[in-house]
PDB file of all heavy atoms in Angstrom:
ATOM      1  N   GLU A   1     109.932 104.349  80.356  1.00  0.00           N
ATOM      2  CA  GLU A   1     109.848 103.107  81.110  1.00  0.00           C
ATOM      3  C   GLU A   1     108.930 103.252  82.327  1.00  0.00           C
ATOM      4  O   GLU A   1     108.773 104.328  82.894  1.00  0.00           O
ATOM      5  CB  GLU A   1     111.237 102.639  81.571  1.00  0.00           C
ATOM      6  CG  GLU A   1     111.909 103.550  82.571  1.00  0.00           C
ATOM      7  CD  GLU A   1     113.218 102.966  83.092  1.00  0.00           C
ATOM      8  OE1 GLU A   1     113.654 101.907  82.605  1.00  0.00           O
ATOM      9  OE2 GLU A   1     113.806 103.577  84.006  1.00  0.00           O
ATOM     10  N   PHE A   2     108.373 102.146  82.700  1.00  0.00           N
ATOM     11  CA  PHE A   2     107.481 102.064  83.846  1.00  0.00           C
ATOM     12  C   PHE A   2     108.231 102.272  85.153  1.00  0.00           C
ATOM     13  O   PHE A   2     109.356 101.779  85.314  1.00  0.00           O
ATOM     14  CB  PHE A   2     106.802 100.694  83.849  1.00  0.00           C
ATOM     15  CG  PHE A   2     106.091 100.357  85.122  1.00  0.00           C
ATOM     16  CD1 PHE A   2     104.899 100.967  85.457  1.00  0.00           C
ATOM     17  CD2 PHE A   2     106.631  99.421  85.996  1.00  0.00           C
ATOM     18  CE1 PHE A   2     104.260 100.649  86.643  1.00  0.00           C
ATOM     19  CE2 PHE A   2     105.997  99.093  87.177  1.00  0.00           C
ATOM     20  CZ  PHE A   2     104.806  99.714  87.499  1.00  0.00           C
ATOM     21  N   VAL A   3     107.595 102.993  86.086  1.00  0.00           N
ATOM     22  CA  VAL A   3     108.166 103.202  87.415  1.00  0.00           C
ATOM     23  C   VAL A   3     107.264 102.598  88.498  1.00  0.00           C
ATOM     24  O   VAL A   3     107.698 101.764  89.279  1.00  0.00           O
ATOM     25  CB  VAL A   3     108.376 104.699  87.698  1.00  0.00           C
ATOM     26  CG1 VAL A   3     108.856 104.921  89.134  1.00  0.00           C
ATOM     27  CG2 VAL A   3     109.369 105.300  86.710  1.00  0.00           C
ATOM     28  N   ALA A   4     106.001 103.026  88.512  1.00  0.00           N
ATOM     29  CA  ALA A   4     105.093 102.563  89.562  1.00  0.00           C
ATOM     30  C   ALA A   4     103.654 102.779  89.116  1.00  0.00           C
ATOM     31  O   ALA A   4     103.379 103.637  88.282  1.00  0.00           O
ATOM     32  CB  ALA A   4     105.344 103.316  90.866  1.00  0.00           C
ATOM     33  N   THR A   5     102.742 101.981  89.684  1.00  0.00           N
ATOM     34  CA  THR A   5     101.343 102.127  89.369  1.00  0.00           C
ATOM     35  C   THR A   5     100.502 101.821  90.601  1.00  0.00           C
ATOM     36  O   THR A   5     100.945 101.105  91.511  1.00  0.00           O
ATOM     37  CB  THR A   5     100.937 101.206  88.201  1.00  0.00           C
ATOM     38  OG1 THR A   5      99.554 101.395  87.891  1.00  0.00           O
ATOM     39  CG2 THR A   5     101.170  99.744  88.538  1.00  0.00           C
ATOM     40  N   VAL A   6      99.294 102.379  90.618  1.00  0.00           N
ATOM     41  CA  VAL A   6      98.380 102.173  91.736  1.00  0.00           C
ATOM     42  C   VAL A   6      96.967 102.040  91.191  1.00  0.00           C
ATOM     43  O   VAL A   6      96.590 102.708  90.222  1.00  0.00           O
ATOM     44  CB  VAL A   6      98.482 103.349  92.744  1.00  0.00           C
ATOM     45  CG1 VAL A   6      98.116 104.681  92.103  1.00  0.00           C
ATOM     46  CG2 VAL A   6      97.633 103.102  93.981  1.00  0.00           C
ATOM     47  N   ASN A   7      96.175 101.170  91.826  1.00  0.00           N
ATOM     48  CA  ASN A   7      94.800 100.991  91.346  1.00  0.00           C
ATOM     49  C   ASN A   7      93.925 102.126  91.867  1.00  0.00           C
ATOM     50  O   ASN A   7      94.378 103.019  92.590  1.00  0.00           O
ATOM     51  CB  ASN A   7      94.259  99.627  91.758  1.00  0.00           C
ATOM     52  CG  ASN A   7      93.866  99.575  93.231  1.00  0.00           C
ATOM     53  OD1 ASN A   7      94.572 100.133  94.079  1.00  0.00           O
ATOM     54  ND2 ASN A   7      92.756  98.925  93.530  1.00  0.00           N
ATOM     55  N   TRP A   8      92.636 102.083  91.546  1.00  0.00           N
ATOM     56  CA  TRP A   8      91.752 103.218  91.813  1.00  0.00           C
ATOM     57  C   TRP A   8      91.654 103.559  93.302  1.00  0.00           C
ATOM     58  O   TRP A   8      91.560 104.724  93.676  1.00  0.00           O
ATOM     59  CB  TRP A   8      90.359 102.940  91.264  1.00  0.00           C
ATOM     60  CG  TRP A   8      89.581 101.930  92.071  1.00  0.00           C
ATOM     61  CD1 TRP A   8      89.575 100.586  91.914  1.00  0.00           C
ATOM     62  CD2 TRP A   8      88.710 102.206  93.170  1.00  0.00           C
ATOM     63  NE1 TRP A   8      88.765  99.986  92.845  1.00  0.00           N
ATOM     64  CE2 TRP A   8      88.217 100.961  93.632  1.00  0.00           C
ATOM     65  CE3 TRP A   8      88.300 103.365  93.809  1.00  0.00           C
ATOM     66  CZ2 TRP A   8      87.328 100.872  94.705  1.00  0.00           C
ATOM     67  CZ3 TRP A   8      87.412 103.278  94.878  1.00  0.00           C
ATOM     68  CH2 TRP A   8      86.938 102.033  95.314  1.00  0.00           C
ATOM     69  N   SER A   9      91.710 102.553  94.150  1.00  0.00           N
ATOM     70  CA  SER A   9      91.512 102.790  95.581  1.00  0.00           C
ATOM     71  C   SER A   9      92.806 103.105  96.315  1.00  0.00           C
ATOM     72  O   SER A   9      92.782 103.579  97.450  1.00  0.00           O
ATOM     73  CB  SER A   9      90.860 101.563  96.227  1.00  0.00           C
ATOM     74  OG  SER A   9      91.770 100.480  96.224  1.00  0.00           O
ATOM     75  N   GLY A  10      93.938 102.814  95.689  1.00  0.00           N
ATOM     76  CA  GLY A  10      95.214 102.956  96.386  1.00  0.00           C
ATOM     77  C   GLY A  10      95.636 101.700  97.109  1.00  0.00           C
ATOM     78  O   GLY A  10      96.724 101.638  97.670  1.00  0.00           O
ATOM     79  N   GLY A  11      94.812 100.684  97.074  1.00  0.00           N
ATOM     80  CA  GLY A  11      95.092  99.471  97.815  1.00  0.00           C
ATOM     81  C   GLY A  11      96.074  98.534  97.140  1.00  0.00           C
ATOM     82  O   GLY A  11      96.678  97.683  97.802  1.00  0.00           O
ATOM     83  N   ASN A  12      96.214  98.667  95.852  1.00  0.00           N
ATOM     84  CA  ASN A  12      97.133  97.802  95.101  1.00  0.00           C
ATOM     85  C   ASN A  12      98.168  98.652  94.390  1.00  0.00           C
ATOM     86  O   ASN A  12      97.828  99.590  93.671  1.00  0.00           O
ATOM     87  CB  ASN A  12      96.364  96.973  94.073  1.00  0.00           C
ATOM     88  CG  ASN A  12      95.455  95.955  94.723  1.00  0.00           C
ATOM     89  OD1 ASN A  12      95.725  95.473  95.806  1.00  0.00           O
ATOM     90  ND2 ASN A  12      94.363  95.641  94.055  1.00  0.00           N
ATOM     91  N   THR A  13      99.422  98.294  94.582  1.00  0.00           N
ATOM     92  CA  THR A  13     100.515  99.004  93.937  1.00  0.00           C
ATOM     93  C   THR A  13     101.492  98.007  93.325  1.00  0.00           C
ATOM     94  O   THR A  13     101.531  96.828  93.716  1.00  0.00           O
ATOM     95  CB  THR A  13     101.284  99.896  94.932  1.00  0.00           C
ATOM     96  OG1 THR A  13     101.791  99.074  96.000  1.00  0.00           O
ATOM     97  CG2 THR A  13     100.393 100.978  95.512  1.00  0.00           C
ATOM     98  N   TYR A  14     102.267  98.495  92.385  1.00  0.00           N
ATOM     99  CA  TYR A  14     103.266  97.653  91.724  1.00  0.00           C
ATOM    100  C   TYR A  14     104.404  98.552  91.277  1.00  0.00           C
ATOM    101  O   TYR A  14     104.176  99.671  90.822  1.00  0.00           O
ATOM    102  CB  TYR A  14     102.636  96.941  90.530  1.00  0.00           C
ATOM    103  CG  TYR A  14     103.575  96.016  89.788  1.00  0.00           C
ATOM    104  CD1 TYR A  14     104.039  94.842  90.370  1.00  0.00           C
ATOM    105  CD2 TYR A  14     103.999  96.323  88.500  1.00  0.00           C
ATOM    106  CE1 TYR A  14     104.894  93.997  89.692  1.00  0.00           C
ATOM    107  CE2 TYR A  14     104.852  95.485  87.813  1.00  0.00           C
ATOM    108  CZ  TYR A  14     105.293  94.322  88.416  1.00  0.00           C
ATOM    109  OH  TYR A  14     106.140  93.481  87.736  1.00  0.00           O
ATOM    110  N   TYR A  15     105.644  98.058  91.426  1.00  0.00           N
ATOM    111  CA  TYR A  15     106.816  98.866  91.146  1.00  0.00           C
ATOM    112  C   TYR A  15     107.778  98.166  90.194  1.00  0.00           C
ATOM    113  O   TYR A  15     107.871  96.941  90.172  1.00  0.00           O
ATOM    114  CB  TYR A  15     107.570  99.154  92.453  1.00  0.00           C
ATOM    115  CG  TYR A  15     106.771  99.945  93.457  1.00  0.00           C
ATOM    116  CD1 TYR A  15     105.967  99.302  94.403  1.00  0.00           C
ATOM    117  CD2 TYR A  15     106.795 101.336  93.460  1.00  0.00           C
ATOM    118  CE1 TYR A  15     105.223 100.022  95.321  1.00  0.00           C
ATOM    119  CE2 TYR A  15     106.062 102.064  94.380  1.00  0.00           C
ATOM    120  CZ  TYR A  15     105.278 101.393  95.296  1.00  0.00           C
ATOM    121  OH  TYR A  15     104.538 102.125  96.193  1.00  0.00           O
ATOM    122  N   ALA A  16     108.498  98.976  89.468  1.00  0.00           N
ATOM    123  CA  ALA A  16     109.615  98.450  88.692  1.00  0.00           C
ATOM    124  C   ALA A  16     110.671  97.940  89.666  1.00  0.00           C
ATOM    125  O   ALA A  16     110.854  98.495  90.765  1.00  0.00           O
ATOM    126  CB  ALA A  16     110.194  99.531  87.796  1.00  0.00           C
ATOM    127  N   HIS A  17     111.365  96.911  89.261  1.00  0.00           N
ATOM    128  CA  HIS A  17     112.388  96.311  90.131  1.00  0.00           C
ATOM    129  C   HIS A  17     113.442  97.333  90.532  1.00  0.00           C
ATOM    130  O   HIS A  17     113.934  97.323  91.669  1.00  0.00           O
ATOM    131  CB  HIS A  17     113.035  95.136  89.429  1.00  0.00           C
ATOM    132  CG  HIS A  17     114.127  94.491  90.206  1.00  0.00           C
ATOM    133  ND1 HIS A  17     113.881  93.689  91.312  1.00  0.00           N
ATOM    134  CD2 HIS A  17     115.477  94.542  90.087  1.00  0.00           C
ATOM    135  CE1 HIS A  17     115.021  93.266  91.808  1.00  0.00           C
ATOM    136  NE2 HIS A  17     116.013  93.769  91.080  1.00  0.00           N
ATOM    137  N   SER A  18     113.741  98.251  89.615  1.00  0.00           N
ATOM    138  CA  SER A  18     114.825  99.203  89.844  1.00  0.00           C
ATOM    139  C   SER A  18     114.498 100.227  90.933  1.00  0.00           C
ATOM    140  O   SER A  18     115.408 100.868  91.467  1.00  0.00           O
ATOM    141  CB  SER A  18     115.169  99.929  88.547  1.00  0.00           C
ATOM    142  OG  SER A  18     114.036 100.619  88.053  1.00  0.00           O
ATOM    143  N   VAL A  19     113.216 100.392  91.262  1.00  0.00           N
ATOM    144  CA  VAL A  19     112.842 101.407  92.256  1.00  0.00           C
ATOM    145  C   VAL A  19     112.175 100.809  93.492  1.00  0.00           C
ATOM    146  O   VAL A  19     111.935 101.524  94.471  1.00  0.00           O
ATOM    147  CB  VAL A  19     111.898 102.470  91.653  1.00  0.00           C
ATOM    148  CG1 VAL A  19     112.506 103.067  90.392  1.00  0.00           C
ATOM    149  CG2 VAL A  19     110.516 101.902  91.366  1.00  0.00           C
ATOM    150  N   LYS A  20     111.876  99.530  93.453  1.00  0.00           N
ATOM    151  CA  LYS A  20     111.182  98.898  94.566  1.00  0.00           C
ATOM    152  C   LYS A  20     111.993  99.032  95.847  1.00  0.00           C
ATOM    153  O   LYS A  20     113.205  98.800  95.856  1.00  0.00           O
ATOM    154  CB  LYS A  20     110.911  97.426  94.259  1.00  0.00           C
ATOM    155  CG  LYS A  20     109.928  96.775  95.217  1.00  0.00           C
ATOM    156  CD  LYS A  20     109.545  95.390  94.730  1.00  0.00           C
ATOM    157  CE  LYS A  20     108.468  94.790  95.626  1.00  0.00           C
ATOM    158  NZ  LYS A  20     108.058  93.438  95.164  1.00  0.00           N
ATOM    159  N   GLY A  21     111.310  99.455  96.901  1.00  0.00           N
ATOM    160  CA  GLY A  21     111.975  99.661  98.181  1.00  0.00           C
ATOM    161  C   GLY A  21     112.495 101.075  98.364  1.00  0.00           C
ATOM    162  O   GLY A  21     112.843 101.470  99.487  1.00  0.00           O
ATOM    163  N   ARG A  22     112.569 101.848  97.285  1.00  0.00           N
ATOM    164  CA  ARG A  22     113.035 103.238  97.356  1.00  0.00           C
ATOM    165  C   ARG A  22     111.920 104.227  97.054  1.00  0.00           C
ATOM    166  O   ARG A  22     111.889 105.324  97.622  1.00  0.00           O
ATOM    167  CB  ARG A  22     114.188 103.462  96.373  1.00  0.00           C
ATOM    168  CG  ARG A  22     115.398 102.589  96.621  1.00  0.00           C
ATOM    169  CD  ARG A  22     116.567 103.015  95.740  1.00  0.00           C
ATOM    170  NE  ARG A  22     116.290 102.852  94.314  1.00  0.00           N
ATOM    171  CZ  ARG A  22     116.358 103.849  93.428  1.00  0.00           C
ATOM    172  NH1 ARG A  22     116.689 105.063  93.810  1.00  0.00           N
ATOM    173  NH2 ARG A  22     116.099 103.611  92.149  1.00  0.00           N
ATOM    174  N   PHE A  23     111.020 103.855  96.154  1.00  0.00           N
ATOM    175  CA  PHE A  23     109.931 104.743  95.736  1.00  0.00           C
ATOM    176  C   PHE A  23     108.604 104.236  96.296  1.00  0.00           C
ATOM    177  O   PHE A  23     108.402 103.024  96.440  1.00  0.00           O
ATOM    178  CB  PHE A  23     109.825 104.783  94.215  1.00  0.00           C
ATOM    179  CG  PHE A  23     110.959 105.476  93.506  1.00  0.00           C
ATOM    180  CD1 PHE A  23     112.120 105.849  94.153  1.00  0.00           C
ATOM    181  CD2 PHE A  23     110.845 105.764  92.152  1.00  0.00           C
ATOM    182  CE1 PHE A  23     113.159 106.470  93.498  1.00  0.00           C
ATOM    183  CE2 PHE A  23     111.867 106.399  91.461  1.00  0.00           C
ATOM    184  CZ  PHE A  23     113.024 106.744  92.137  1.00  0.00           C
ATOM    185  N   THR A  24     107.703 105.171  96.574  1.00  0.00           N
ATOM    186  CA  THR A  24     106.364 104.823  97.040  1.00  0.00           C
ATOM    187  C   THR A  24     105.339 105.654  96.299  1.00  0.00           C
ATOM    188  O   THR A  24     105.429 106.881  96.276  1.00  0.00           O
ATOM    189  CB  THR A  24     106.219 105.071  98.545  1.00  0.00           C
ATOM    190  OG1 THR A  24     107.205 104.309  99.261  1.00  0.00           O
ATOM    191  CG2 THR A  24     104.830 104.650  99.018  1.00  0.00           C
ATOM    192  N   ILE A  25     104.362 104.972  95.697  1.00  0.00           N
ATOM    193  CA  ILE A  25     103.269 105.664  95.014  1.00  0.00           C
ATOM    194  C   ILE A  25     102.063 105.681  95.949  1.00  0.00           C
ATOM    195  O   ILE A  25     101.785 104.706  96.656  1.00  0.00           O
ATOM    196  CB  ILE A  25     102.933 104.976  93.670  1.00  0.00           C
ATOM    197  CG1 ILE A  25     101.928 105.809  92.878  1.00  0.00           C
ATOM    198  CG2 ILE A  25     102.426 103.549  93.873  1.00  0.00           C
ATOM    199  CD1 ILE A  25     101.718 105.312  91.435  1.00  0.00           C
ATOM    200  N   SER A  26     101.353 106.804  95.947  1.00  0.00           N
ATOM    201  CA  SER A  26     100.152 106.926  96.768  1.00  0.00           C
ATOM    202  C   SER A  26      99.186 107.877  96.079  1.00  0.00           C
ATOM    203  O   SER A  26      99.589 108.647  95.209  1.00  0.00           O
ATOM    204  CB  SER A  26     100.496 107.437  98.167  1.00  0.00           C
ATOM    205  OG  SER A  26     101.095 108.718  98.096  1.00  0.00           O
ATOM    206  N   ARG A  27      97.924 107.814  96.486  1.00  0.00           N
ATOM    207  CA  ARG A  27      96.934 108.684  95.869  1.00  0.00           C
ATOM    208  C   ARG A  27      95.957 109.180  96.920  1.00  0.00           C
ATOM    209  O   ARG A  27      95.733 108.530  97.949  1.00  0.00           O
ATOM    210  CB  ARG A  27      96.197 107.969  94.734  1.00  0.00           C
ATOM    211  CG  ARG A  27      95.319 106.827  95.179  1.00  0.00           C
ATOM    212  CD  ARG A  27      94.769 106.078  93.963  1.00  0.00           C
ATOM    213  NE  ARG A  27      93.883 106.905  93.165  1.00  0.00           N
ATOM    214  CZ  ARG A  27      93.557 106.627  91.891  1.00  0.00           C
ATOM    215  NH1 ARG A  27      94.063 105.547  91.305  1.00  0.00           N
ATOM    216  NH2 ARG A  27      92.737 107.408  91.227  1.00  0.00           N
ATOM    217  N   ASP A  28      95.383 110.326  96.625  1.00  0.00           N
ATOM    218  CA  ASP A  28      94.353 110.912  97.476  1.00  0.00           C
ATOM    219  C   ASP A  28      93.184 111.246  96.565  1.00  0.00           C
ATOM    220  O   ASP A  28      93.204 112.256  95.854  1.00  0.00           O
ATOM    221  CB  ASP A  28      94.892 112.163  98.173  1.00  0.00           C
ATOM    222  CG  ASP A  28      93.917 112.730  99.178  1.00  0.00           C
ATOM    223  OD1 ASP A  28      92.692 112.508  99.032  1.00  0.00           O
ATOM    224  OD2 ASP A  28      94.362 113.430 100.101  1.00  0.00           O
ATOM    225  N   ASN A  29      92.165 110.416  96.573  1.00  0.00           N
ATOM    226  CA  ASN A  29      91.035 110.614  95.659  1.00  0.00           C
ATOM    227  C   ASN A  29      90.185 111.838  96.037  1.00  0.00           C
ATOM    228  O   ASN A  29      89.494 112.385  95.189  1.00  0.00           O
ATOM    229  CB  ASN A  29      90.171 109.366  95.613  1.00  0.00           C
ATOM    230  CG  ASN A  29      90.839 108.240  94.850  1.00  0.00           C
ATOM    231  OD1 ASN A  29      91.748 108.470  94.043  1.00  0.00           O
ATOM    232  ND2 ASN A  29      90.413 107.010  95.104  1.00  0.00           N
ATOM    233  N   ALA A  30      90.260 112.242  97.259  1.00  0.00           N
ATOM    234  CA  ALA A  30      89.528 113.448  97.667  1.00  0.00           C
ATOM    235  C   ALA A  30      90.168 114.702  97.077  1.00  0.00           C
ATOM    236  O   ALA A  30      89.488 115.693  96.816  1.00  0.00           O
ATOM    237  CB  ALA A  30      89.487 113.548  99.181  1.00  0.00           C
ATOM    238  N   LYS A  31      91.481 114.646  96.872  1.00  0.00           N
ATOM    239  CA  LYS A  31      92.212 115.796  96.333  1.00  0.00           C
ATOM    240  C   LYS A  31      92.563 115.624  94.857  1.00  0.00           C
ATOM    241  O   LYS A  31      93.147 116.525  94.258  1.00  0.00           O
ATOM    242  CB  LYS A  31      93.496 116.016  97.133  1.00  0.00           C
ATOM    243  CG  LYS A  31      93.266 116.387  98.592  1.00  0.00           C
ATOM    244  CD  LYS A  31      94.586 116.608  99.306  1.00  0.00           C
ATOM    245  CE  LYS A  31      94.365 117.009 100.756  1.00  0.00           C
ATOM    246  NZ  LYS A  31      95.653 117.216 101.478  1.00  0.00           N
ATOM    247  N   ASN A  32      92.226 114.480  94.277  1.00  0.00           N
ATOM    248  CA  ASN A  32      92.569 114.193  92.876  1.00  0.00           C
ATOM    249  C   ASN A  32      94.067 114.281  92.620  1.00  0.00           C
ATOM    250  O   ASN A  32      94.528 114.903  91.660  1.00  0.00           O
ATOM    251  CB  ASN A  32      91.833 115.141  91.917  1.00  0.00           C
ATOM    252  CG  ASN A  32      90.392 114.726  91.671  1.00  0.00           C
ATOM    253  OD1 ASN A  32      89.837 113.917  92.411  1.00  0.00           O
ATOM    254  ND2 ASN A  32      89.770 115.293  90.656  1.00  0.00           N
ATOM    255  N   THR A  33      94.832 113.674  93.495  1.00  0.00           N
ATOM    256  CA  THR A  33      96.277 113.696  93.336  1.00  0.00           C
ATOM    257  C   THR A  33      96.875 112.294  93.477  1.00  0.00           C
ATOM    258  O   THR A  33      96.318 111.428  94.162  1.00  0.00           O
ATOM    259  CB  THR A  33      96.957 114.608  94.365  1.00  0.00           C
ATOM    260  OG1 THR A  33      96.623 114.152  95.686  1.00  0.00           O
ATOM    261  CG2 THR A  33      96.531 116.057  94.201  1.00  0.00           C
ATOM    262  N   VAL A  34      97.996 112.110  92.820  1.00  0.00           N
ATOM    263  CA  VAL A  34      98.794 110.908  93.002  1.00  0.00           C
ATOM    264  C   VAL A  34     100.244 111.343  93.157  1.00  0.00           C
ATOM    265  O   VAL A  34     100.718 112.191  92.400  1.00  0.00           O
ATOM    266  CB  VAL A  34      98.610 109.914  91.835  1.00  0.00           C
ATOM    267  CG1 VAL A  34      98.993 110.533  90.511  1.00  0.00           C
ATOM    268  CG2 VAL A  34      99.402 108.641  92.084  1.00  0.00           C
ATOM    269  N   ASP A  35     100.902 110.834  94.156  1.00  0.00           N
ATOM    270  CA  ASP A  35     102.252 111.235  94.486  1.00  0.00           C
ATOM    271  C   ASP A  35     103.243 110.096  94.281  1.00  0.00           C
ATOM    272  O   ASP A  35     102.867 108.919  94.323  1.00  0.00           O
ATOM    273  CB  ASP A  35     102.334 111.694  95.942  1.00  0.00           C
ATOM    274  CG  ASP A  35     101.591 112.997  96.181  1.00  0.00           C
ATOM    275  OD1 ASP A  35     101.192 113.650  95.199  1.00  0.00           O
ATOM    276  OD2 ASP A  35     101.422 113.358  97.358  1.00  0.00           O
ATOM    277  N   LEU A  36     104.489 110.474  94.095  1.00  0.00           N
ATOM    278  CA  LEU A  36     105.568 109.506  94.028  1.00  0.00           C
ATOM    279  C   LEU A  36     106.676 109.994  94.958  1.00  0.00           C
ATOM    280  O   LEU A  36     107.354 110.972  94.651  1.00  0.00           O
ATOM    281  CB  LEU A  36     106.109 109.363  92.608  1.00  0.00           C
ATOM    282  CG  LEU A  36     107.169 108.274  92.420  1.00  0.00           C
ATOM    283  CD1 LEU A  36     106.533 106.896  92.583  1.00  0.00           C
ATOM    284  CD2 LEU A  36     107.832 108.391  91.052  1.00  0.00           C
ATOM    285  N   GLN A  37     106.828 109.329  96.093  1.00  0.00           N
ATOM    286  CA  GLN A  37     107.897 109.641  97.031  1.00  0.00           C
ATOM    287  C   GLN A  37     109.135 108.863  96.615  1.00  0.00           C
ATOM    288  O   GLN A  37     109.091 107.629  96.532  1.00  0.00           O
ATOM    289  CB  GLN A  37     107.498 109.260  98.456  1.00  0.00           C
ATOM    290  CG  GLN A  37     108.577 109.490  99.493  1.00  0.00           C
ATOM    291  CD  GLN A  37     108.919 110.950  99.679  1.00  0.00           C
ATOM    292  OE1 GLN A  37     108.039 111.800  99.716  1.00  0.00           O
ATOM    293  NE2 GLN A  37     110.202 111.256  99.779  1.00  0.00           N
ATOM    294  N   MET A  38     110.207 109.592  96.359  1.00  0.00           N
ATOM    295  CA  MET A  38     111.432 108.965  95.863  1.00  0.00           C
ATOM    296  C   MET A  38     112.547 109.179  96.884  1.00  0.00           C
ATOM    297  O   MET A  38     112.926 110.326  97.147  1.00  0.00           O
ATOM    298  CB  MET A  38     111.824 109.570  94.515  1.00  0.00           C
ATOM    299  CG  MET A  38     110.706 109.499  93.475  1.00  0.00           C
ATOM    300  SD  MET A  38     111.218 110.059  91.850  1.00  0.00           S
ATOM    301  CE  MET A  38     111.584 111.776  92.187  1.00  0.00           C
ATOM    302  N   ASN A  39     113.027 108.099  97.451  1.00  0.00           N
ATOM    303  CA  ASN A  39     114.100 108.151  98.430  1.00  0.00           C
ATOM    304  C   ASN A  39     115.347 107.453  97.886  1.00  0.00           C
ATOM    305  O   ASN A  39     115.274 106.702  96.921  1.00  0.00           O
ATOM    306  CB  ASN A  39     113.662 107.471  99.728  1.00  0.00           C
ATOM    307  CG  ASN A  39     112.474 108.147 100.371  1.00  0.00           C
ATOM    308  OD1 ASN A  39     112.291 109.371 100.261  1.00  0.00           O
ATOM    309  ND2 ASN A  39     111.629 107.379 101.049  1.00  0.00           N
ATOM    310  N   SER A  40     116.466 107.706  98.532  1.00  0.00           N
ATOM    311  CA  SER A  40     117.734 107.071  98.155  1.00  0.00           C
ATOM    312  C   SER A  40     117.981 107.195  96.648  1.00  0.00           C
ATOM    313  O   SER A  40     118.306 106.211  95.971  1.00  0.00           O
ATOM    314  CB  SER A  40     117.732 105.595  98.578  1.00  0.00           C
ATOM    315  OG  SER A  40     117.533 105.472  99.966  1.00  0.00           O
ATOM    316  N   LEU A  41     117.810 108.391  96.142  1.00  0.00           N
ATOM    317  CA  LEU A  41     117.921 108.609  94.701  1.00  0.00           C
ATOM    318  C   LEU A  41     119.329 108.349  94.201  1.00  0.00           C
ATOM    319  O   LEU A  41     120.327 108.588  94.897  1.00  0.00           O
ATOM    320  CB  LEU A  41     117.480 110.024  94.360  1.00  0.00           C
ATOM    321  CG  LEU A  41     115.957 110.218  94.359  1.00  0.00           C
ATOM    322  CD1 LEU A  41     115.592 111.693  94.480  1.00  0.00           C
ATOM    323  CD2 LEU A  41     115.350 109.614  93.104  1.00  0.00           C
ATOM    324  N   LYS A  42     119.376 107.844  92.965  1.00  0.00           N
ATOM    325  CA  LYS A  42     120.643 107.508  92.310  1.00  0.00           C
ATOM    326  C   LYS A  42     120.757 108.313  91.014  1.00  0.00           C
ATOM    327  O   LYS A  42     119.731 108.705  90.431  1.00  0.00           O
ATOM    328  CB  LYS A  42     120.669 106.019  91.972  1.00  0.00           C
ATOM    329  CG  LYS A  42     120.450 105.099  93.164  1.00  0.00           C
ATOM    330  CD  LYS A  42     120.364 103.646  92.713  1.00  0.00           C
ATOM    331  CE  LYS A  42     120.123 102.706  93.884  1.00  0.00           C
ATOM    332  NZ  LYS A  42     120.034 101.284  93.443  1.00  0.00           N
TER     333      LYS A  42
END
């Protein structure tokens, strides 16, 4: 199932309803990485 997505620049993100407000997706194009910060885990 889908959790989160981010566009090429990092400027646009979208989350599954079940994780919105708890998870944050981010990317660093200089480092070729994309992270998912997960808080208030269930």
